[in-house]
Amino acid sequence: MKYTWIIETPIGHLSLLATEKYLLKISFGGIESDATIKQTPIIKKTEQELKEYFNGKRTKFTIPINTIGTEFQKQVWNKLTEIPYGTTISYKELATSVKGKNYSRAVGMANNRNPIPIIIPCHRVVGTKGELVGYRGGVDIKEKLINLEKQLINKRR
């Protein structure tokens, strides 16, 4: 059984999709049509941790997740979770750490298919010269997430 719930955040509404045990997806937008609208314990925990993230009280998430994708996509998503809070890396750097510098485009496509943005922090990947490129939620939201993290890191110094 799948459950869905919409939460309000500083970057707008996010739709959460979960089973009883795992978070499956975070979407920028509407509710999943094939899911029951219900705030389950996993959804409540996700909402709480996202609230803490946006308030600067959380830099790592503990939500149990279940991603569906190819082995390559899962490798990329795993590497994304290793990017330190408040920092960015380029698609080329990420590609080199996964498979090789010539895989930047494939890494970009894997980022685009990331089912759990923010928690799997694909917003921390930028162009080679630091430019903000590509984000399913929009480049403006990517910029807000990067700036939020950088501001909180600077406040702690």
C-alpha atoms as a PDB file:
ATOM      1  CA  MET A   1       0.000   0.000   0.000  1.00  0.00           C
ATOM      2  CA  LYS A   2       1.248   3.495  -0.856  1.00  0.00           C
ATOM      3  CA  TYR A   3       0.366   6.648   1.025  1.00  0.00           C
ATOM      4  CA  THR A   4       0.707  10.293   0.050  1.00  0.00           C
ATOM      5  CA  TRP A   5       0.595  13.607   1.873  1.00  0.00           C
ATOM      6  CA  ILE A   6       1.336  17.225   0.964  1.00  0.00           C
ATOM      7  CA  ILE A   7       3.435  19.388   3.261  1.00  0.00           C
ATOM      8  CA  GLU A   8       4.121  23.118   3.182  1.00  0.00           C
ATOM      9  CA  THR A   9       7.786  24.190   3.166  1.00  0.00           C
ATOM     10  CA  PRO A  10       9.703  27.429   2.566  1.00  0.00           C
ATOM     11  CA  ILE A  11      10.170  26.312  -1.061  1.00  0.00           C
ATOM     12  CA  GLY A  12       6.484  25.507  -1.595  1.00  0.00           C
ATOM     13  CA  HIS A  13       4.343  22.390  -1.390  1.00  0.00           C
ATOM     14  CA  LEU A  14       6.058  19.017  -1.416  1.00  0.00           C
ATOM     15  CA  SER A  15       4.209  15.767  -1.984  1.00  0.00           C
ATOM     16  CA  LEU A  16       5.500  12.775  -0.033  1.00  0.00           C
ATOM     17  CA  LEU A  17       4.925   9.189  -1.150  1.00  0.00           C
ATOM     18  CA  ALA A  18       5.636   6.318   1.244  1.00  0.00           C
ATOM     19  CA  THR A  19       4.860   2.768   2.214  1.00  0.00           C
ATOM     20  CA  GLU A  20       4.473   1.724   5.846  1.00  0.00           C
ATOM     21  CA  LYS A  21       8.258   1.227   6.033  1.00  0.00           C
ATOM     22  CA  TYR A  22       9.930   3.556   3.508  1.00  0.00           C
ATOM     23  CA  LEU A  23       9.835   6.978   1.921  1.00  0.00           C
ATOM     24  CA  LEU A  24       9.600   6.418  -1.839  1.00  0.00           C
ATOM     25  CA  LYS A  25       9.362   9.864  -3.373  1.00  0.00           C
ATOM     26  CA  ILE A  26       9.303  13.609  -2.824  1.00  0.00           C
ATOM     27  CA  SER A  27       7.635  15.612  -5.575  1.00  0.00           C
ATOM     28  CA  PHE A  28       7.372  19.312  -6.240  1.00  0.00           C
ATOM     29  CA  GLY A  29       3.640  19.431  -6.774  1.00  0.00           C
ATOM     30  CA  GLY A  30       0.527  17.315  -6.545  1.00  0.00           C
ATOM     31  CA  ILE A  31      -0.514  14.133  -4.833  1.00  0.00           C
ATOM     32  CA  GLU A  32       0.161  10.730  -6.365  1.00  0.00           C
ATOM     33  CA  SER A  33      -3.090   9.481  -7.880  1.00  0.00           C
ATOM     34  CA  ASP A  34      -2.521   5.804  -7.076  1.00  0.00           C
ATOM     35  CA  ALA A  35      -1.914   6.354  -3.357  1.00  0.00           C
ATOM     36  CA  THR A  36      -4.124   6.714  -0.296  1.00  0.00           C
ATOM     37  CA  ILE A  37      -4.077  10.168   1.279  1.00  0.00           C
ATOM     38  CA  LYS A  38      -2.898   9.489   4.809  1.00  0.00           C
ATOM     39  CA  GLN A  39      -0.258  10.862   7.157  1.00  0.00           C
ATOM     40  CA  THR A  40       1.619   7.700   8.215  1.00  0.00           C
ATOM     41  CA  PRO A  41       4.476   7.514  10.758  1.00  0.00           C
ATOM     42  CA  ILE A  42       7.089   7.608   7.941  1.00  0.00           C
ATOM     43  CA  ILE A  43       5.397  10.645   6.409  1.00  0.00           C
ATOM     44  CA  LYS A  44       5.238  12.373   9.812  1.00  0.00           C
ATOM     45  CA  LYS A  45       8.925  11.646  10.426  1.00  0.00           C
ATOM     46  CA  THR A  46       9.829  12.951   6.952  1.00  0.00           C
ATOM     47  CA  GLU A  47       7.815  16.116   7.530  1.00  0.00           C
ATOM     48  CA  GLN A  48       9.539  16.648  10.900  1.00  0.00           C
ATOM     49  CA  GLU A  49      13.041  16.105   9.513  1.00  0.00           C
ATOM     50  CA  LEU A  50      12.376  18.401   6.550  1.00  0.00           C
ATOM     51  CA  LYS A  51      11.102  21.069   8.945  1.00  0.00           C
ATOM     52  CA  GLU A  52      14.302  20.707  10.988  1.00  0.00           C
ATOM     53  CA  TYR A  53      16.360  20.930   7.766  1.00  0.00           C
ATOM     54  CA  PHE A  54      14.655  24.152   6.686  1.00  0.00           C
ATOM     55  CA  ASN A  55      15.093  25.579  10.206  1.00  0.00           C
ATOM     56  CA  GLY A  56      18.825  24.817  10.147  1.00  0.00           C
ATOM     57  CA  LYS A  57      18.663  22.145  12.815  1.00  0.00           C
ATOM     58  CA  ARG A  58      19.320  19.102  10.585  1.00  0.00           C
ATOM     59  CA  THR A  59      22.143  18.422   8.132  1.00  0.00           C
ATOM     60  CA  LYS A  60      21.609  14.657   7.703  1.00  0.00           C
ATOM     61  CA  PHE A  61      18.403  12.670   7.344  1.00  0.00           C
ATOM     62  CA  THR A  62      17.510   9.398   9.053  1.00  0.00           C
ATOM     63  CA  ILE A  63      14.378   8.558   7.052  1.00  0.00           C
ATOM     64  CA  PRO A  64      14.334   4.966   5.752  1.00  0.00           C
ATOM     65  CA  ILE A  65      14.163   5.260   1.966  1.00  0.00           C
ATOM     66  CA  ASN A  66      13.620   2.842  -0.892  1.00  0.00           C
ATOM     67  CA  THR A  67      14.723   4.005  -4.324  1.00  0.00           C
ATOM     68  CA  ILE A  68      13.798   2.328  -7.567  1.00  0.00           C
ATOM     69  CA  GLY A  69      16.270   2.780 -10.397  1.00  0.00           C
ATOM     70  CA  THR A  70      19.107   1.229 -12.342  1.00  0.00           C
ATOM     71  CA  GLU A  71      22.320   0.195 -10.595  1.00  0.00           C
ATOM     72  CA  PHE A  72      24.048   3.239 -12.117  1.00  0.00           C
ATOM     73  CA  GLN A  73      21.317   5.585 -10.860  1.00  0.00           C
ATOM     74  CA  LYS A  74      21.548   4.069  -7.380  1.00  0.00           C
ATOM     75  CA  GLN A  75      25.346   4.544  -7.420  1.00  0.00           C
ATOM     76  CA  VAL A  76      24.877   8.208  -8.315  1.00  0.00           C
ATOM     77  CA  TRP A  77      22.167   8.713  -5.673  1.00  0.00           C
ATOM     78  CA  ASN A  78      24.389   7.072  -3.052  1.00  0.00           C
ATOM     79  CA  LYS A  79      27.284   9.402  -3.988  1.00  0.00           C
ATOM     80  CA  LEU A  80      24.939  12.383  -3.687  1.00  0.00           C
ATOM     81  CA  THR A  81      24.362  11.545  -0.027  1.00  0.00           C
ATOM     82  CA  GLU A  82      28.131  11.844   0.529  1.00  0.00           C
ATOM     83  CA  ILE A  83      28.294  15.489  -0.593  1.00  0.00           C
ATOM     84  CA  PRO A  84      28.754  17.488   2.609  1.00  0.00           C
ATOM     85  CA  TYR A  85      25.971  19.814   3.720  1.00  0.00           C
ATOM     86  CA  GLY A  86      26.574  23.372   2.527  1.00  0.00           C
ATOM     87  CA  THR A  87      28.941  22.428  -0.290  1.00  0.00           C
ATOM     88  CA  THR A  88      28.583  21.804  -3.996  1.00  0.00           C
ATOM     89  CA  ILE A  89      30.423  19.700  -6.550  1.00  0.00           C
ATOM     90  CA  SER A  90      30.289  19.690 -10.337  1.00  0.00           C
ATOM     91  CA  TYR A  91      28.612  17.088 -12.500  1.00  0.00           C
ATOM     92  CA  LYS A  92      32.092  16.232 -13.797  1.00  0.00           C
ATOM     93  CA  GLU A  93      33.417  15.670 -10.252  1.00  0.00           C
ATOM     94  CA  LEU A  94      30.428  13.496  -9.428  1.00  0.00           C
ATOM     95  CA  ALA A  95      30.816  11.538 -12.661  1.00  0.00           C
ATOM     96  CA  THR A  96      34.523  10.961 -11.930  1.00  0.00           C
ATOM     97  CA  SER A  97      33.696   9.633  -8.460  1.00  0.00           C
ATOM     98  CA  VAL A  98      31.101   7.227  -9.885  1.00  0.00           C
ATOM     99  CA  LYS A  99      32.371   5.972 -13.229  1.00  0.00           C
ATOM    100  CA  GLY A 100      34.574   8.489 -15.036  1.00  0.00           C
ATOM    101  CA  LYS A 101      34.624  12.095 -16.210  1.00  0.00           C
ATOM    102  CA  ASN A 102      32.986  11.177 -19.518  1.00  0.00           C
ATOM    103  CA  TYR A 103      29.794  10.204 -17.673  1.00  0.00           C
ATOM    104  CA  SER A 104      28.710  13.757 -16.771  1.00  0.00           C
ATOM    105  CA  ARG A 105      25.612  13.590 -18.980  1.00  0.00           C
ATOM    106  CA  ALA A 106      24.584  10.205 -17.545  1.00  0.00           C
ATOM    107  CA  VAL A 107      25.098  11.561 -14.027  1.00  0.00           C
ATOM    108  CA  GLY A 108      22.909  14.545 -14.943  1.00  0.00           C
ATOM    109  CA  MET A 109      20.150  12.212 -16.114  1.00  0.00           C
ATOM    110  CA  ALA A 110      20.429  10.160 -12.906  1.00  0.00           C
ATOM    111  CA  ASN A 111      20.148  13.400 -10.905  1.00  0.00           C
ATOM    112  CA  ASN A 112      17.053  14.315 -12.902  1.00  0.00           C
ATOM    113  CA  ARG A 113      15.493  10.973 -11.991  1.00  0.00           C
ATOM    114  CA  ASN A 114      16.332  11.249  -8.286  1.00  0.00           C
ATOM    115  CA  PRO A 115      13.050  10.267  -6.607  1.00  0.00           C
ATOM    116  CA  ILE A 116      13.882  11.843  -3.235  1.00  0.00           C
ATOM    117  CA  PRO A 117      15.312  15.344  -3.730  1.00  0.00           C
ATOM    118  CA  ILE A 118      16.573  17.272  -0.685  1.00  0.00           C
ATOM    119  CA  ILE A 119      17.090  14.049   1.290  1.00  0.00           C
ATOM    120  CA  ILE A 120      19.193  12.727  -1.593  1.00  0.00           C
ATOM    121  CA  PRO A 121      20.766  16.165  -2.193  1.00  0.00           C
ATOM    122  CA  CYS A 122      20.990  16.459  -5.975  1.00  0.00           C
ATOM    123  CA  HIS A 123      20.695  20.251  -5.550  1.00  0.00           C
ATOM    124  CA  ARG A 124      24.356  20.240  -4.450  1.00  0.00           C
ATOM    125  CA  VAL A 125      25.539  19.405  -7.990  1.00  0.00           C
ATOM    126  CA  VAL A 126      26.374  22.375 -10.213  1.00  0.00           C
ATOM    127  CA  GLY A 127      28.007  23.090 -13.558  1.00  0.00           C
ATOM    128  CA  THR A 128      31.783  23.011 -13.992  1.00  0.00           C
ATOM    129  CA  LYS A 129      32.091  26.761 -13.433  1.00  0.00           C
ATOM    130  CA  GLY A 130      29.691  26.749 -10.490  1.00  0.00           C
ATOM    131  CA  GLU A 131      26.651  27.718 -12.540  1.00  0.00           C
ATOM    132  CA  LEU A 132      23.260  26.485 -11.436  1.00  0.00           C
ATOM    133  CA  VAL A 133      21.946  24.161 -14.101  1.00  0.00           C
ATOM    134  CA  GLY A 134      19.051  21.737 -14.127  1.00  0.00           C
ATOM    135  CA  TYR A 135      16.797  20.913 -11.228  1.00  0.00           C
ATOM    136  CA  ARG A 136      13.414  19.230 -11.416  1.00  0.00           C
ATOM    137  CA  GLY A 137      11.947  21.698  -8.924  1.00  0.00           C
ATOM    138  CA  GLY A 138      13.392  24.613 -10.902  1.00  0.00           C
ATOM    139  CA  VAL A 139      16.752  26.345 -10.745  1.00  0.00           C
ATOM    140  CA  ASP A 140      15.267  28.981  -8.405  1.00  0.00           C
ATOM    141  CA  ILE A 141      14.516  26.280  -5.820  1.00  0.00           C
ATOM    142  CA  LYS A 142      17.987  24.772  -6.300  1.00  0.00           C
ATOM    143  CA  GLU A 143      19.464  28.196  -5.593  1.00  0.00           C
ATOM    144  CA  LYS A 144      17.321  28.606  -2.456  1.00  0.00           C
ATOM    145  CA  LEU A 145      18.443  25.216  -1.103  1.00  0.00           C
ATOM    146  CA  ILE A 146      22.128  25.907  -1.775  1.00  0.00           C
ATOM    147  CA  ASN A 147      21.883  29.386  -0.237  1.00  0.00           C
ATOM    148  CA  LEU A 148      20.008  28.072   2.808  1.00  0.00           C
ATOM    149  CA  GLU A 149      22.757  25.554   3.518  1.00  0.00           C
ATOM    150  CA  LYS A 150      25.593  28.032   2.920  1.00  0.00           C
ATOM    151  CA  GLN A 151      23.981  30.652   5.178  1.00  0.00           C
ATOM    152  CA  LEU A 152      23.577  28.147   7.999  1.00  0.00           C
ATOM    153  CA  ILE A 153      27.165  26.942   7.638  1.00  0.00           C
ATOM    154  CA  ASN A 154      28.397  30.562   7.776  1.00  0.00           C
ATOM    155  CA  LYS A 155      26.312  31.260  10.906  1.00  0.00           C
ATOM    156  CA  ARG A 156      27.923  28.307  12.693  1.00  0.00           C
ATOM    157  CA  ARG A 157      31.460  29.592  12.026  1.00  0.00           C
END
